[in-house]
Amino acid sequence: MDLNQLYFDHQLIMMQAERTLGFGARRELEIGASHLAGRIGCMQRALGAAGAPAWEALAVGDRYSLASPVRHQQGYAS
């Protein structure tokens, strides 16, 4: 997936979460945005971008996160 598309999708989800009234629904959107942030961070790291750690810090720290240390050790980039 294109990095610009990930930025766009992340921004759309964050705006949708901001407008969502229900806590559970908002939380689900925020988790989705967090997973996208992890993907962005991984892609940036693979490209040598200095902003990678900032995006990775926004990522959910669960077993599904693409910013997990195991995936970095495996060289996962997208």
PDB file of N, CA and C in Angstrom:
ATOM      1  N   MET A   1       0.850  -1.184   0.000  1.00  0.00           N
ATOM      2  CA  MET A   1       0.000   0.000   0.000  1.00  0.00           C
ATOM      3  C   MET A   1       0.885   1.233   0.000  1.00  0.00           C
ATOM      4  N   ASP A   2       0.434   2.256  -0.657  1.00  0.00           N
ATOM      5  CA  ASP A   2       1.131   3.523  -0.771  1.00  0.00           C
ATOM      6  C   ASP A   2       1.139   4.257   0.577  1.00  0.00           C
ATOM      7  N   LEU A   3       2.270   4.828   0.927  1.00  0.00           N
ATOM      8  CA  LEU A   3       2.402   5.539   2.202  1.00  0.00           C
ATOM      9  C   LEU A   3       1.433   6.722   2.279  1.00  0.00           C
ATOM     10  N   ASN A   4       1.273   7.451   1.185  1.00  0.00           N
ATOM     11  CA  ASN A   4       0.337   8.576   1.191  1.00  0.00           C
ATOM     12  C   ASN A   4      -1.097   8.110   1.426  1.00  0.00           C
ATOM     13  N   GLN A   5      -1.445   6.953   0.894  1.00  0.00           N
ATOM     14  CA  GLN A   5      -2.786   6.410   1.123  1.00  0.00           C
ATOM     15  C   GLN A   5      -2.978   6.078   2.598  1.00  0.00           C
ATOM     16  N   LEU A   6      -1.933   5.554   3.238  1.00  0.00           N
ATOM     17  CA  LEU A   6      -2.016   5.260   4.679  1.00  0.00           C
ATOM     18  C   LEU A   6      -2.208   6.539   5.487  1.00  0.00           C
ATOM     19  N   TYR A   7      -1.467   7.605   5.140  1.00  0.00           N
ATOM     20  CA  TYR A   7      -1.647   8.893   5.826  1.00  0.00           C
ATOM     21  C   TYR A   7      -3.096   9.367   5.675  1.00  0.00           C
ATOM     22  N   PHE A   8      -3.611   9.277   4.457  1.00  0.00           N
ATOM     23  CA  PHE A   8      -4.971   9.715   4.159  1.00  0.00           C
ATOM     24  C   PHE A   8      -5.985   8.907   4.955  1.00  0.00           C
ATOM     25  N   ASP A   9      -5.843   7.582   4.913  1.00  0.00           N
ATOM     26  CA  ASP A   9      -6.776   6.713   5.630  1.00  0.00           C
ATOM     27  C   ASP A   9      -6.737   6.967   7.132  1.00  0.00           C
ATOM     28  N   HIS A  10      -5.532   7.181   7.667  1.00  0.00           N
ATOM     29  CA  HIS A  10      -5.382   7.461   9.098  1.00  0.00           C
ATOM     30  C   HIS A  10      -6.126   8.743   9.466  1.00  0.00           C
ATOM     31  N   GLN A  11      -5.942   9.778   8.653  1.00  0.00           N
ATOM     32  CA  GLN A  11      -6.595  11.052   8.933  1.00  0.00           C
ATOM     33  C   GLN A  11      -8.114  10.924   8.866  1.00  0.00           C
ATOM     34  N   LEU A  12      -8.619  10.194   7.865  1.00  0.00           N
ATOM     35  CA  LEU A  12     -10.071  10.003   7.751  1.00  0.00           C
ATOM     36  C   LEU A  12     -10.635   9.273   8.968  1.00  0.00           C
ATOM     37  N   ILE A  13      -9.957   8.234   9.401  1.00  0.00           N
ATOM     38  CA  ILE A  13     -10.438   7.484  10.566  1.00  0.00           C
ATOM     39  C   ILE A  13     -10.417   8.361  11.816  1.00  0.00           C
ATOM     40  N   MET A  14      -9.375   9.155  11.989  1.00  0.00           N
ATOM     41  CA  MET A  14      -9.303  10.030  13.160  1.00  0.00           C
ATOM     42  C   MET A  14     -10.431  11.067  13.138  1.00  0.00           C
ATOM     43  N   MET A  15     -10.734  11.604  11.969  1.00  0.00           N
ATOM     44  CA  MET A  15     -11.834  12.573  11.884  1.00  0.00           C
ATOM     45  C   MET A  15     -13.174  11.900  12.163  1.00  0.00           C
ATOM     46  N   GLN A  16     -13.337  10.677  11.672  1.00  0.00           N
ATOM     47  CA  GLN A  16     -14.573   9.936  11.940  1.00  0.00           C
ATOM     48  C   GLN A  16     -14.692   9.630  13.430  1.00  0.00           C
ATOM     49  N   ALA A  17     -13.590   9.240  14.059  1.00  0.00           N
ATOM     50  CA  ALA A  17     -13.610   8.939  15.493  1.00  0.00           C
ATOM     51  C   ALA A  17     -13.989  10.178  16.305  1.00  0.00           C
ATOM     52  N   GLU A  18     -13.504  11.330  15.871  1.00  0.00           N
ATOM     53  CA  GLU A  18     -13.808  12.580  16.576  1.00  0.00           C
ATOM     54  C   GLU A  18     -15.301  12.890  16.546  1.00  0.00           C
ATOM     55  N   ARG A  19     -15.980  12.506  15.462  1.00  0.00           N
ATOM     56  CA  ARG A  19     -17.416  12.778  15.322  1.00  0.00           C
ATOM     57  C   ARG A  19     -18.302  11.680  15.910  1.00  0.00           C
ATOM     58  N   THR A  20     -17.721  10.555  16.262  1.00  0.00           N
ATOM     59  CA  THR A  20     -18.492   9.419  16.758  1.00  0.00           C
ATOM     60  C   THR A  20     -18.849   9.626  18.220  1.00  0.00           C
ATOM     61  N   LEU A  21     -20.120   9.441  18.549  1.00  0.00           N
ATOM     62  CA  LEU A  21     -20.594   9.703  19.906  1.00  0.00           C
ATOM     63  C   LEU A  21     -20.397   8.524  20.854  1.00  0.00           C
ATOM     64  N   GLY A  22     -20.597   7.322  20.412  1.00  0.00           N
ATOM     65  CA  GLY A  22     -20.484   6.165  21.290  1.00  0.00           C
ATOM     66  C   GLY A  22     -19.042   5.840  21.637  1.00  0.00           C
ATOM     67  N   PHE A  23     -18.788   5.598  22.921  1.00  0.00           N
ATOM     68  CA  PHE A  23     -17.423   5.325  23.367  1.00  0.00           C
ATOM     69  C   PHE A  23     -16.853   4.087  22.689  1.00  0.00           C
ATOM     70  N   GLY A  24     -17.617   2.998  22.643  1.00  0.00           N
ATOM     71  CA  GLY A  24     -17.132   1.753  22.049  1.00  0.00           C
ATOM     72  C   GLY A  24     -16.796   1.908  20.577  1.00  0.00           C
ATOM     73  N   ALA A  25     -17.678   2.565  19.838  1.00  0.00           N
ATOM     74  CA  ALA A  25     -17.447   2.781  18.407  1.00  0.00           C
ATOM     75  C   ALA A  25     -16.238   3.681  18.190  1.00  0.00           C
ATOM     76  N   ARG A  26     -16.121   4.716  19.016  1.00  0.00           N
ATOM     77  CA  ARG A  26     -14.982   5.618  18.899  1.00  0.00           C
ATOM     78  C   ARG A  26     -13.684   4.880  19.190  1.00  0.00           C
ATOM     79  N   ARG A  27     -13.709   4.044  20.212  1.00  0.00           N
ATOM     80  CA  ARG A  27     -12.516   3.281  20.589  1.00  0.00           C
ATOM     81  C   ARG A  27     -12.093   2.339  19.462  1.00  0.00           C
ATOM     82  N   GLU A  28     -13.060   1.691  18.813  1.00  0.00           N
ATOM     83  CA  GLU A  28     -12.740   0.799  17.689  1.00  0.00           C
ATOM     84  C   GLU A  28     -12.073   1.564  16.546  1.00  0.00           C
ATOM     85  N   LEU A  29     -12.572   2.757  16.254  1.00  0.00           N
ATOM     86  CA  LEU A  29     -11.966   3.580  15.211  1.00  0.00           C
ATOM     87  C   LEU A  29     -10.553   4.001  15.605  1.00  0.00           C
ATOM     88  N   GLU A  30     -10.374   4.368  16.868  1.00  0.00           N
ATOM     89  CA  GLU A  30      -9.044   4.763  17.333  1.00  0.00           C
ATOM     90  C   GLU A  30      -8.063   3.604  17.265  1.00  0.00           C
ATOM     91  N   ILE A  31      -8.520   2.407  17.555  1.00  0.00           N
ATOM     92  CA  ILE A  31      -7.658   1.234  17.448  1.00  0.00           C
ATOM     93  C   ILE A  31      -7.271   1.009  15.987  1.00  0.00           C
ATOM     94  N   GLY A  32      -8.234   1.157  15.087  1.00  0.00           N
ATOM     95  CA  GLY A  32      -7.933   1.028  13.660  1.00  0.00           C
ATOM     96  C   GLY A  32      -6.902   2.052  13.208  1.00  0.00           C
ATOM     97  N   ALA A  33      -7.056   3.289  13.673  1.00  0.00           N
ATOM     98  CA  ALA A  33      -6.090   4.331  13.334  1.00  0.00           C
ATOM     99  C   ALA A  33      -4.723   4.001  13.919  1.00  0.00           C
ATOM    100  N   SER A  34      -4.716   3.420  15.092  1.00  0.00           N
ATOM    101  CA  SER A  34      -3.462   3.047  15.730  1.00  0.00           C
ATOM    102  C   SER A  34      -2.737   1.965  14.931  1.00  0.00           C
ATOM    103  N   HIS A  35      -3.485   1.009  14.423  1.00  0.00           N
ATOM    104  CA  HIS A  35      -2.871  -0.032  13.588  1.00  0.00           C
ATOM    105  C   HIS A  35      -2.300   0.572  12.299  1.00  0.00           C
ATOM    106  N   LEU A  36      -3.010   1.528  11.724  1.00  0.00           N
ATOM    107  CA  LEU A  36      -2.483   2.209  10.543  1.00  0.00           C
ATOM    108  C   LEU A  36      -1.210   2.975  10.892  1.00  0.00           C
ATOM    109  N   ALA A  37      -1.181   3.588  12.061  1.00  0.00           N
ATOM    110  CA  ALA A  37       0.027   4.304  12.496  1.00  0.00           C
ATOM    111  C   ALA A  37       1.212   3.343  12.580  1.00  0.00           C
ATOM    112  N   GLY A  38       0.958   2.135  13.039  1.00  0.00           N
ATOM    113  CA  GLY A  38       2.019   1.133  13.086  1.00  0.00           C
ATOM    114  C   GLY A  38       2.528   0.784  11.709  1.00  0.00           C
ATOM    115  N   ARG A  39       1.620   0.648  10.751  1.00  0.00           N
ATOM    116  CA  ARG A  39       2.036   0.364   9.374  1.00  0.00           C
ATOM    117  C   ARG A  39       2.847   1.512   8.805  1.00  0.00           C
ATOM    118  N   ILE A  40       2.387   2.736   9.089  1.00  0.00           N
ATOM    119  CA  ILE A  40       3.118   3.917   8.615  1.00  0.00           C
ATOM    120  C   ILE A  40       4.522   3.926   9.201  1.00  0.00           C
ATOM    121  N   GLY A  41       4.616   3.678  10.502  1.00  0.00           N
ATOM    122  CA  GLY A  41       5.925   3.651  11.154  1.00  0.00           C
ATOM    123  C   GLY A  41       6.846   2.598  10.572  1.00  0.00           C
ATOM    124  N   CYS A  42       6.328   1.411  10.307  1.00  0.00           N
ATOM    125  CA  CYS A  42       7.141   0.343   9.720  1.00  0.00           C
ATOM    126  C   CYS A  42       7.631   0.724   8.331  1.00  0.00           C
ATOM    127  N   MET A  43       6.737   1.303   7.539  1.00  0.00           N
ATOM    128  CA  MET A  43       7.135   1.709   6.191  1.00  0.00           C
ATOM    129  C   MET A  43       8.167   2.820   6.242  1.00  0.00           C
ATOM    130  N   GLN A  44       7.970   3.765   7.153  1.00  0.00           N
ATOM    131  CA  GLN A  44       8.937   4.856   7.286  1.00  0.00           C
ATOM    132  C   GLN A  44      10.297   4.329   7.742  1.00  0.00           C
ATOM    133  N   ARG A  45      10.282   3.406   8.686  1.00  0.00           N
ATOM    134  CA  ARG A  45      11.545   2.825   9.169  1.00  0.00           C
ATOM    135  C   ARG A  45      12.290   2.146   8.022  1.00  0.00           C
ATOM    136  N   ALA A  46      11.558   1.413   7.189  1.00  0.00           N
ATOM    137  CA  ALA A  46      12.178   0.728   6.054  1.00  0.00           C
ATOM    138  C   ALA A  46      12.788   1.725   5.069  1.00  0.00           C
ATOM    139  N   LEU A  47      12.198   2.912   5.004  1.00  0.00           N
ATOM    140  CA  LEU A  47      12.704   3.953   4.106  1.00  0.00           C
ATOM    141  C   LEU A  47      13.763   4.834   4.767  1.00  0.00           C
ATOM    142  N   GLY A  48      14.019   4.612   6.049  1.00  0.00           N
ATOM    143  CA  GLY A  48      15.004   5.409   6.771  1.00  0.00           C
ATOM    144  C   GLY A  48      14.500   6.769   7.214  1.00  0.00           C
ATOM    145  N   ALA A  49      13.190   6.934   7.312  1.00  0.00           N
ATOM    146  CA  ALA A  49      12.607   8.225   7.686  1.00  0.00           C
ATOM    147  C   ALA A  49      12.752   8.476   9.184  1.00  0.00           C
ATOM    148  N   ALA A  50      13.098   9.693   9.530  1.00  0.00           N
ATOM    149  CA  ALA A  50      13.294  10.056  10.932  1.00  0.00           C
ATOM    150  C   ALA A  50      11.991  10.061  11.724  1.00  0.00           C
ATOM    151  N   GLY A  51      10.852  10.178  11.050  1.00  0.00           N
ATOM    152  CA  GLY A  51       9.565  10.252  11.737  1.00  0.00           C
ATOM    153  C   GLY A  51       9.009   8.905  12.167  1.00  0.00           C
ATOM    154  N   ALA A  52       9.672   7.809  11.815  1.00  0.00           N
ATOM    155  CA  ALA A  52       9.157   6.472  12.114  1.00  0.00           C
ATOM    156  C   ALA A  52       8.849   6.258  13.593  1.00  0.00           C
ATOM    157  N   PRO A  53       9.746   6.617  14.516  1.00  0.00           N
ATOM    158  CA  PRO A  53       9.444   6.374  15.934  1.00  0.00           C
ATOM    159  C   PRO A  53       8.193   7.107  16.433  1.00  0.00           C
ATOM    160  N   ALA A  54       7.922   8.278  15.896  1.00  0.00           N
ATOM    161  CA  ALA A  54       6.738   9.021  16.328  1.00  0.00           C
ATOM    162  C   ALA A  54       5.464   8.292  15.916  1.00  0.00           C
ATOM    163  N   TRP A  55       5.434   7.749  14.699  1.00  0.00           N
ATOM    164  CA  TRP A  55       4.260   6.995  14.256  1.00  0.00           C
ATOM    165  C   TRP A  55       4.144   5.684  15.008  1.00  0.00           C
ATOM    166  N   GLU A  56       5.255   5.030  15.239  1.00  0.00           N
ATOM    167  CA  GLU A  56       5.233   3.756  15.957  1.00  0.00           C
ATOM    168  C   GLU A  56       4.745   3.939  17.390  1.00  0.00           C
ATOM    169  N   ALA A  57       5.024   5.089  17.978  1.00  0.00           N
ATOM    170  CA  ALA A  57       4.569   5.369  19.344  1.00  0.00           C
ATOM    171  C   ALA A  57       3.037   5.459  19.403  1.00  0.00           C
ATOM    172  N   LEU A  58       2.402   5.769  18.283  1.00  0.00           N
ATOM    173  CA  LEU A  58       0.946   5.852  18.231  1.00  0.00           C
ATOM    174  C   LEU A  58       0.285   4.490  18.046  1.00  0.00           C
ATOM    175  N   ALA A  59       1.095   3.479  17.755  1.00  0.00           N
ATOM    176  CA  ALA A  59       0.558   2.159  17.428  1.00  0.00           C
ATOM    177  C   ALA A  59       0.160   1.388  18.673  1.00  0.00           C
ATOM    178  N   VAL A  60      -0.881   0.588  18.523  1.00  0.00           N
ATOM    179  CA  VAL A  60      -1.327  -0.306  19.585  1.00  0.00           C
ATOM    180  C   VAL A  60      -0.224  -1.311  19.852  1.00  0.00           C
ATOM    181  N   GLY A  61       0.047  -1.555  21.100  1.00  0.00           N
ATOM    182  CA  GLY A  61       1.089  -2.511  21.463  1.00  0.00           C
ATOM    183  C   GLY A  61       0.552  -3.900  21.698  1.00  0.00           C
ATOM    184  N   ASP A  62      -0.229  -4.423  20.768  1.00  0.00           N
ATOM    185  CA  ASP A  62      -0.746  -5.777  20.928  1.00  0.00           C
ATOM    186  C   ASP A  62      -0.148  -6.705  19.874  1.00  0.00           C
ATOM    187  N   ARG A  63      -0.559  -7.947  19.887  1.00  0.00           N
ATOM    188  CA  ARG A  63       0.042  -8.926  18.989  1.00  0.00           C
ATOM    189  C   ARG A  63      -0.319  -8.687  17.531  1.00  0.00           C
ATOM    190  N   TYR A  64      -1.297  -7.836  17.267  1.00  0.00           N
ATOM    191  CA  TYR A  64      -1.691  -7.549  15.895  1.00  0.00           C
ATOM    192  C   TYR A  64      -0.999  -6.317  15.329  1.00  0.00           C
ATOM    193  N   SER A  65      -0.319  -5.563  16.157  1.00  0.00           N
ATOM    194  CA  SER A  65       0.298  -4.330  15.711  1.00  0.00           C
ATOM    195  C   SER A  65       1.448  -4.605  14.754  1.00  0.00           C
ATOM    196  N   LEU A  66       1.472  -3.857  13.675  1.00  0.00           N
ATOM    197  CA  LEU A  66       2.565  -3.994  12.717  1.00  0.00           C
ATOM    198  C   LEU A  66       3.818  -3.284  13.197  1.00  0.00           C
ATOM    199  N   ALA A  67       3.746  -2.628  14.330  1.00  0.00           N
ATOM    200  CA  ALA A  67       4.915  -1.948  14.869  1.00  0.00           C
ATOM    201  C   ALA A  67       5.556  -2.741  15.999  1.00  0.00           C
ATOM    202  N   SER A  68       5.165  -3.985  16.155  1.00  0.00           N
ATOM    203  CA  SER A  68       5.704  -4.788  17.250  1.00  0.00           C
ATOM    204  C   SER A  68       7.181  -5.087  17.026  1.00  0.00           C
ATOM    205  N   PRO A  69       7.942  -5.243  18.093  1.00  0.00           N
ATOM    206  CA  PRO A  69       9.379  -5.503  17.959  1.00  0.00           C
ATOM    207  C   PRO A  69       9.698  -6.757  17.153  1.00  0.00           C
ATOM    208  N   VAL A  70       8.892  -7.793  17.260  1.00  0.00           N
ATOM    209  CA  VAL A  70       9.157  -9.019  16.513  1.00  0.00           C
ATOM    210  C   VAL A  70       9.106  -8.755  15.017  1.00  0.00           C
ATOM    211  N   ARG A  71       8.131  -7.988  14.579  1.00  0.00           N
ATOM    212  CA  ARG A  71       8.029  -7.700  13.148  1.00  0.00           C
ATOM    213  C   ARG A  71       9.214  -6.874  12.673  1.00  0.00           C
ATOM    214  N   HIS A  72       9.703  -5.961  13.512  1.00  0.00           N
ATOM    215  CA  HIS A  72      10.890  -5.189  13.128  1.00  0.00           C
ATOM    216  C   HIS A  72      12.095  -6.108  12.986  1.00  0.00           C
ATOM    217  N   GLN A  73      12.232  -7.042  13.897  1.00  0.00           N
ATOM    218  CA  GLN A  73      13.355  -7.976  13.844  1.00  0.00           C
ATOM    219  C   GLN A  73      13.274  -8.822  12.572  1.00  0.00           C
ATOM    220  N   GLN A  74      12.086  -9.090  12.099  1.00  0.00           N
ATOM    221  CA  GLN A  74      11.912  -9.874  10.890  1.00  0.00           C
ATOM    222  C   GLN A  74      12.061  -9.026   9.639  1.00  0.00           C
ATOM    223  N   GLY A  75      12.204  -7.721   9.800  1.00  0.00           N
ATOM    224  CA  GLY A  75      12.346  -6.828   8.661  1.00  0.00           C
ATOM    225  C   GLY A  75      11.042  -6.534   7.948  1.00  0.00           C
ATOM    226  N   TYR A  76       9.929  -6.722   8.653  1.00  0.00           N
ATOM    227  CA  TYR A  76       8.608  -6.461   8.065  1.00  0.00           C
ATOM    228  C   TYR A  76       8.463  -4.976   7.772  1.00  0.00           C
ATOM    229  N   ALA A  77       8.076  -4.628   6.544  1.00  0.00           N
ATOM    230  CA  ALA A  77       8.021  -3.214   6.188  1.00  0.00           C
ATOM    231  C   ALA A  77       6.692  -2.742   5.616  1.00  0.00           C
ATOM    232  N   SER A  78       5.725  -3.621   5.439  1.00  0.00           N
ATOM    233  CA  SER A  78       4.459  -3.129   4.902  1.00  0.00           C
ATOM    234  C   SER A  78       3.296  -3.959   5.393  1.00  0.00           C
TER     235      SER A  78
END
